[in-house]
Amino acid sequence: MILVTGATGQFGSKAIDHLLSKGVRPSEISALVRNEANAQHLKSRGVEVRVGDYTDYDSLVKAFQGVDKLLLVSSNDRQAVENRTAQHINTIKAAKEANVKYIVYTSFVRKTNFEDSSIAAFQNSHAQTEAYLIDSGIDYTILQNGIYLEMIPVFAGEKVAETGIILFPAKDGKASYVLREELAEAAAHVLTTEGHEKQIYSLTNSTSVSFSEIAKAIGNQLGKDVNYQSLEVDLFESKMKEFGVPDLYIGMFTMWAMAQAQGTMDVLNDTLEGFLGRKPTTMSEFVAHIY
């Protein structure tokens, strides 16, 4: 039995799609959800739905009964980053009590000097979870996923086609953006093939891109010039406030822009290509689809 957590989320739901497409029988898949009412589409496909919450240990132990393999999709808790670490550890403890034999964990791409980056707290949460999982005695595979291509339209702004301007303080930094669905497909590959125990995989694209390149690609698709402006952080934040962007999002944009400026996510690896059996979707291909 394979259990997928976060099964109604965008990663977990795609992972289930790919498990089914790889020939795993619906009766061999369980989906962990917080709200059963949101999972009727999974039930209709023959997937067993189990209710549990990363913060509710007893619910997890109950949900993990009879599970051989667990896809632990990392928490998207919007509160303090430390909450995510506690939730992941809670889940791993529950899995061990329920005699789960194997955990695949969706982590995040990391360089050796990550402690100095603007997303250090976010990455440290993953590092702590990885360390706990490795020490748990459960067989594991850690997927250090690259930043999603789907974040590009968010960072570029919803009015880029109208204004022809991207404001984002990422300087000339590059990042290896990768399609979330292809990362979910890779997770399904790991769950359905042999030889991945005690492995840590870096799943990124084969090229990294800057926002100058992203702006050019968007402009080519729109048939107009798109100008990328990397403002100083203080000026960027004041501009965002003028535009009425909530402080929470301003902080998020600044954090990720600085991470790209620092090269924190500029990691190239061909493992994902090997798992997919094809080249990952490029930034230009993604932009052509979105815009």
Protein backbone atom coordinates (compact mmCIF):
# COMPACT_ATOMS: atom_id res chain seq x y z
CA MET A 1 0.00 0.00 0.00
CA ILE A 2 1.28 3.44 -0.98
CA LEU A 3 -0.05 6.42 0.99
CA VAL A 4 0.26 9.97 -0.37
CA THR A 5 -0.07 12.88 2.06
CA GLY A 6 -1.44 16.25 1.00
CA ALA A 7 -3.47 14.29 -1.50
CA THR A 8 -5.84 17.10 -2.46
CA GLY A 9 -2.98 19.57 -2.90
CA GLN A 10 -1.35 20.33 -6.22
CA PHE A 11 1.68 18.08 -5.68
CA GLY A 12 0.01 15.15 -3.94
CA SER A 13 -2.89 14.98 -6.38
CA LYS A 14 -0.50 14.91 -9.35
CA ALA A 15 1.61 12.23 -7.67
CA ILE A 16 -1.51 10.05 -7.40
CA ASP A 17 -2.30 10.70 -11.08
CA HIS A 18 1.16 9.49 -12.04
CA LEU A 19 1.02 6.45 -9.77
CA LEU A 20 -2.19 5.42 -11.51
CA SER A 21 -0.72 6.10 -14.96
CA LYS A 22 2.25 3.88 -14.07
CA GLY A 23 -0.10 0.97 -13.46
CA VAL A 24 -0.50 1.06 -9.68
CA ARG A 25 -4.00 -0.21 -8.91
CA PRO A 26 -6.30 2.29 -7.16
CA SER A 27 -6.83 -0.27 -4.39
CA GLU A 28 -3.08 -0.07 -3.66
CA ILE A 29 -3.15 3.72 -3.11
CA SER A 30 -4.35 5.62 -0.06
CA ALA A 31 -4.77 9.38 0.15
CA LEU A 32 -4.28 11.33 3.36
CA VAL A 33 -6.55 14.37 3.59
CA ARG A 34 -7.65 16.73 6.32
CA ASN A 35 -11.17 17.11 4.95
CA GLU A 36 -12.80 14.02 3.48
CA ALA A 37 -15.43 16.14 1.74
CA ASN A 38 -12.72 17.53 -0.57
CA ALA A 39 -11.63 14.08 -1.71
CA GLN A 40 -14.69 12.71 -3.50
CA HIS A 41 -12.83 12.77 -6.82
CA LEU A 42 -10.25 10.39 -5.34
CA LYS A 43 -12.91 8.05 -3.99
CA SER A 44 -14.59 7.97 -7.39
CA ARG A 45 -11.32 6.67 -8.87
CA GLY A 46 -11.14 3.85 -6.34
CA VAL A 47 -8.47 5.43 -4.14
CA GLU A 48 -8.94 4.90 -0.41
CA VAL A 49 -9.26 8.17 1.50
CA ARG A 50 -7.92 8.39 5.05
CA VAL A 51 -8.31 11.40 7.30
CA GLY A 52 -5.35 12.77 9.22
CA ASP A 53 -3.51 15.95 10.09
CA TYR A 54 0.23 16.55 10.49
CA THR A 55 -0.48 18.08 13.90
CA ASP A 56 -2.66 15.19 15.14
CA TYR A 57 -0.36 12.28 15.99
CA ASP A 58 -3.10 9.76 16.77
CA SER A 59 -4.89 10.46 13.49
CA LEU A 60 -1.64 9.81 11.63
CA VAL A 61 -0.90 6.53 13.38
CA LYS A 62 -4.41 5.36 12.54
CA ALA A 63 -4.15 6.52 8.92
CA PHE A 64 -0.78 4.84 8.38
CA GLN A 65 -1.96 1.34 9.37
CA GLY A 66 -1.11 -1.19 6.66
CA VAL A 67 0.98 1.31 4.69
CA ASP A 68 4.25 0.06 3.18
CA LYS A 69 5.39 3.20 1.36
CA LEU A 70 4.66 6.80 2.36
CA LEU A 71 5.04 9.88 0.16
CA LEU A 72 5.50 12.66 2.71
CA VAL A 73 4.69 15.88 0.88
CA SER A 74 6.21 18.70 2.89
CA SER A 75 3.88 20.96 4.86
CA ASN A 76 2.76 24.30 3.44
CA ASP A 77 1.91 25.72 6.87
CA ARG A 78 1.86 29.51 6.46
CA GLN A 79 2.80 30.25 10.05
CA ALA A 80 6.31 30.03 11.52
CA VAL A 81 8.66 27.82 9.51
CA GLU A 82 9.40 25.86 12.69
CA ASN A 83 5.82 24.58 12.58
CA ARG A 84 6.66 22.67 9.41
CA THR A 85 9.62 20.92 11.04
CA ALA A 86 7.47 19.85 14.00
CA GLN A 87 4.74 18.58 11.65
CA HIS A 88 7.21 16.57 9.57
CA ILE A 89 8.79 15.00 12.66
CA ASN A 90 5.34 14.20 14.05
CA THR A 91 4.51 12.44 10.78
CA ILE A 92 7.75 10.43 10.71
CA LYS A 93 7.25 9.35 14.35
CA ALA A 94 3.70 8.22 13.56
CA ALA A 95 4.92 6.34 10.49
CA LYS A 96 7.47 4.49 12.59
CA GLU A 97 4.85 3.53 15.19
CA ALA A 98 2.59 2.27 12.40
CA ASN A 99 5.47 0.18 10.96
CA VAL A 100 5.70 2.05 7.67
CA LYS A 101 8.74 0.58 5.90
CA TYR A 102 9.72 3.36 3.49
CA ILE A 103 9.29 7.16 3.28
CA VAL A 104 9.84 9.40 0.25
CA TYR A 105 10.14 13.00 1.44
CA THR A 106 9.76 16.10 -0.73
CA SER A 107 12.50 18.45 0.38
CA PHE A 108 14.02 21.51 -1.34
CA VAL A 109 17.16 22.07 -3.36
CA ARG A 110 20.06 23.12 -1.18
CA LYS A 111 23.67 24.26 -1.46
CA THR A 112 26.31 23.71 1.21
CA ASN A 113 26.28 27.38 2.27
CA PHE A 114 22.49 27.58 2.61
CA GLU A 115 22.80 29.01 6.14
CA ASP A 116 23.83 32.34 4.58
CA SER A 117 20.87 32.64 2.21
CA SER A 118 17.71 34.70 2.60
CA ILE A 119 15.69 31.45 2.74
CA ALA A 120 17.92 29.86 5.39
CA ALA A 121 15.06 29.29 7.85
CA PHE A 122 12.95 27.61 5.16
CA GLN A 123 15.85 25.40 4.06
CA ASN A 124 16.86 24.62 7.64
CA SER A 125 13.39 23.19 8.24
CA HIS A 126 14.00 20.74 5.42
CA ALA A 127 17.54 20.00 6.63
CA GLN A 128 16.27 19.20 10.12
CA THR A 129 13.51 16.98 8.71
CA GLU A 130 16.01 15.14 6.51
CA ALA A 131 18.31 14.54 9.49
CA TYR A 132 15.43 13.21 11.60
CA LEU A 133 14.26 10.93 8.80
CA ILE A 134 17.77 9.56 8.22
CA ASP A 135 18.13 8.83 11.94
CA SER A 136 14.64 7.28 12.25
CA GLY A 137 15.68 3.82 11.07
CA ILE A 138 13.03 3.86 8.32
CA ASP A 139 14.23 3.37 4.75
CA TYR A 140 14.00 6.68 2.94
CA THR A 141 14.51 8.64 -0.26
CA ILE A 142 14.90 12.40 -0.09
CA LEU A 143 13.85 14.46 -3.11
CA GLN A 144 15.50 17.90 -3.02
CA ASN A 145 13.13 19.58 -5.46
CA GLY A 146 13.98 22.73 -7.38
CA ILE A 147 11.85 25.87 -7.25
CA TYR A 148 8.63 25.55 -9.23
CA LEU A 149 8.27 27.06 -12.71
CA GLU A 150 4.75 27.92 -11.56
CA MET A 151 6.27 30.64 -9.34
CA ILE A 152 7.43 32.67 -12.35
CA PRO A 153 4.00 34.24 -13.12
CA VAL A 154 3.63 35.03 -9.40
CA PHE A 155 7.00 36.79 -9.26
CA ALA A 156 6.49 38.51 -12.63
CA GLY A 157 3.16 39.96 -11.53
CA GLU A 158 -0.34 39.52 -12.90
CA LYS A 159 -0.14 42.77 -14.92
CA VAL A 160 3.10 42.10 -16.77
CA ALA A 161 1.28 41.75 -20.09
CA GLU A 162 -0.34 45.13 -19.50
CA THR A 163 2.64 47.06 -18.13
CA GLY A 164 5.53 45.36 -19.91
CA ILE A 165 7.54 45.64 -16.68
CA ILE A 166 8.79 43.08 -14.17
CA LEU A 167 9.86 44.50 -10.80
CA PHE A 168 11.78 41.90 -8.81
CA PRO A 169 15.01 42.43 -6.84
CA ALA A 170 16.73 39.24 -8.03
CA LYS A 171 19.61 41.13 -9.72
CA ASP A 172 21.35 38.88 -12.27
CA GLY A 173 20.93 35.74 -10.16
CA LYS A 174 19.82 32.50 -11.74
CA ALA A 175 17.62 29.66 -10.54
CA SER A 176 16.88 26.20 -11.90
CA TYR A 177 13.09 26.34 -12.20
CA VAL A 178 11.26 23.04 -12.73
CA LEU A 179 7.66 22.04 -13.39
CA ARG A 180 5.81 20.89 -10.27
CA GLU A 181 3.97 18.16 -12.16
CA GLU A 182 7.27 16.71 -13.38
CA LEU A 183 8.55 16.61 -9.81
CA ALA A 184 5.37 14.75 -8.83
CA GLU A 185 5.98 12.36 -11.74
CA ALA A 186 9.52 11.80 -10.45
CA ALA A 187 8.16 11.00 -6.98
CA ALA A 188 5.84 8.42 -8.54
CA HIS A 189 8.81 6.95 -10.41
CA VAL A 190 10.77 6.54 -7.17
CA LEU A 191 7.78 4.89 -5.47
CA THR A 192 7.32 2.37 -8.29
CA THR A 193 10.93 1.43 -9.11
CA GLU A 194 13.73 -0.21 -7.16
CA GLY A 195 17.07 0.91 -5.78
CA HIS A 196 16.24 4.31 -4.28
CA GLU A 197 16.61 3.50 -0.58
CA LYS A 198 18.90 5.80 1.42
CA GLN A 199 19.35 8.12 -1.57
CA ILE A 200 19.20 11.92 -1.70
CA TYR A 201 18.30 13.21 -5.15
CA SER A 202 18.64 16.78 -6.41
CA LEU A 203 15.75 17.26 -8.84
CA THR A 204 16.32 20.42 -10.86
CA ASN A 205 16.27 21.51 -14.46
CA SER A 206 19.27 21.17 -16.76
CA THR A 207 19.60 24.95 -17.14
CA SER A 208 19.26 27.92 -14.79
CA VAL A 209 17.70 31.20 -15.85
CA SER A 210 17.80 34.84 -14.77
CA PHE A 211 14.87 37.25 -14.72
CA SER A 212 16.37 39.09 -17.68
CA GLU A 213 15.96 35.82 -19.63
CA ILE A 214 12.47 35.32 -18.21
CA ALA A 215 11.45 38.86 -19.23
CA LYS A 216 12.78 38.27 -22.75
CA ALA A 217 10.87 34.98 -23.06
CA ILE A 218 7.63 36.58 -21.85
CA GLY A 219 8.15 39.50 -24.24
CA ASN A 220 8.71 37.14 -27.16
CA GLN A 221 5.51 35.34 -26.33
CA LEU A 222 3.50 38.55 -25.91
CA GLY A 223 5.03 40.17 -28.99
CA LYS A 224 6.18 43.23 -27.03
CA ASP A 225 9.15 44.41 -24.99
CA VAL A 226 9.10 43.34 -21.35
CA ASN A 227 11.56 45.25 -19.19
CA TYR A 228 13.03 43.61 -16.08
CA GLN A 229 13.98 46.04 -13.32
CA SER A 230 15.90 44.79 -10.28
CA LEU A 231 15.25 47.52 -7.75
CA GLU A 232 17.04 47.80 -4.43
CA VAL A 233 15.06 45.94 -1.78
CA ASP A 234 13.88 49.04 0.09
CA LEU A 235 12.61 50.65 -3.10
CA PHE A 236 11.00 47.40 -4.26
CA GLU A 237 9.15 47.01 -0.96
CA SER A 238 7.93 50.62 -1.01
CA LYS A 239 6.68 50.15 -4.59
CA MET A 240 4.81 47.00 -3.60
CA LYS A 241 3.15 48.88 -0.73
CA GLU A 242 2.11 51.61 -3.17
CA PHE A 243 0.50 48.91 -5.32
CA GLY A 244 -1.43 47.63 -2.29
CA VAL A 245 0.38 44.29 -2.00
CA PRO A 246 -0.07 42.81 1.51
CA ASP A 247 3.03 42.82 3.74
CA LEU A 248 3.02 39.01 3.93
CA TYR A 249 3.47 38.77 0.16
CA ILE A 250 6.00 41.58 0.02
CA GLY A 251 8.12 39.67 2.51
CA MET A 252 7.77 36.48 0.50
CA PHE A 253 8.68 38.16 -2.79
CA THR A 254 11.72 39.82 -1.23
CA MET A 255 12.92 36.60 0.38
CA TRP A 256 12.76 34.58 -2.84
CA ALA A 257 14.18 37.38 -4.98
CA MET A 258 17.17 37.71 -2.68
CA ALA A 259 17.63 33.93 -2.74
CA GLN A 260 17.81 34.03 -6.52
CA ALA A 261 20.19 36.99 -6.42
CA GLN A 262 22.41 34.96 -4.10
CA GLY A 263 22.38 31.95 -6.45
CA THR A 264 20.88 29.76 -3.74
CA MET A 265 18.75 27.83 -6.25
CA ASP A 266 21.27 27.79 -9.10
CA VAL A 267 21.79 24.03 -9.01
CA LEU A 268 21.96 21.88 -12.15
CA ASN A 269 21.42 18.14 -12.14
CA ASP A 270 20.33 15.55 -14.71
CA THR A 271 18.68 13.12 -12.28
CA LEU A 272 15.17 14.42 -13.04
CA GLU A 273 15.77 13.94 -16.77
CA GLY A 274 16.77 10.36 -16.07
CA PHE A 275 13.65 9.69 -14.01
CA LEU A 276 11.35 11.25 -16.61
CA GLY A 277 13.08 9.68 -19.61
CA ARG A 278 12.97 13.05 -21.36
CA LYS A 279 14.20 16.61 -20.98
CA PRO A 280 12.32 18.54 -18.28
CA THR A 281 10.07 21.37 -19.41
CA THR A 282 12.16 24.49 -20.00
CA MET A 283 11.39 28.00 -18.81
CA SER A 284 10.69 29.09 -22.41
CA GLU A 285 8.28 26.19 -22.97
CA PHE A 286 6.48 26.99 -19.73
CA VAL A 287 6.23 30.70 -20.58
CA ALA A 288 4.86 29.88 -24.03
CA HIS A 289 2.15 27.77 -22.40
CA ILE A 290 1.23 30.30 -19.68
CA TYR A 291 1.36 33.51 -21.71
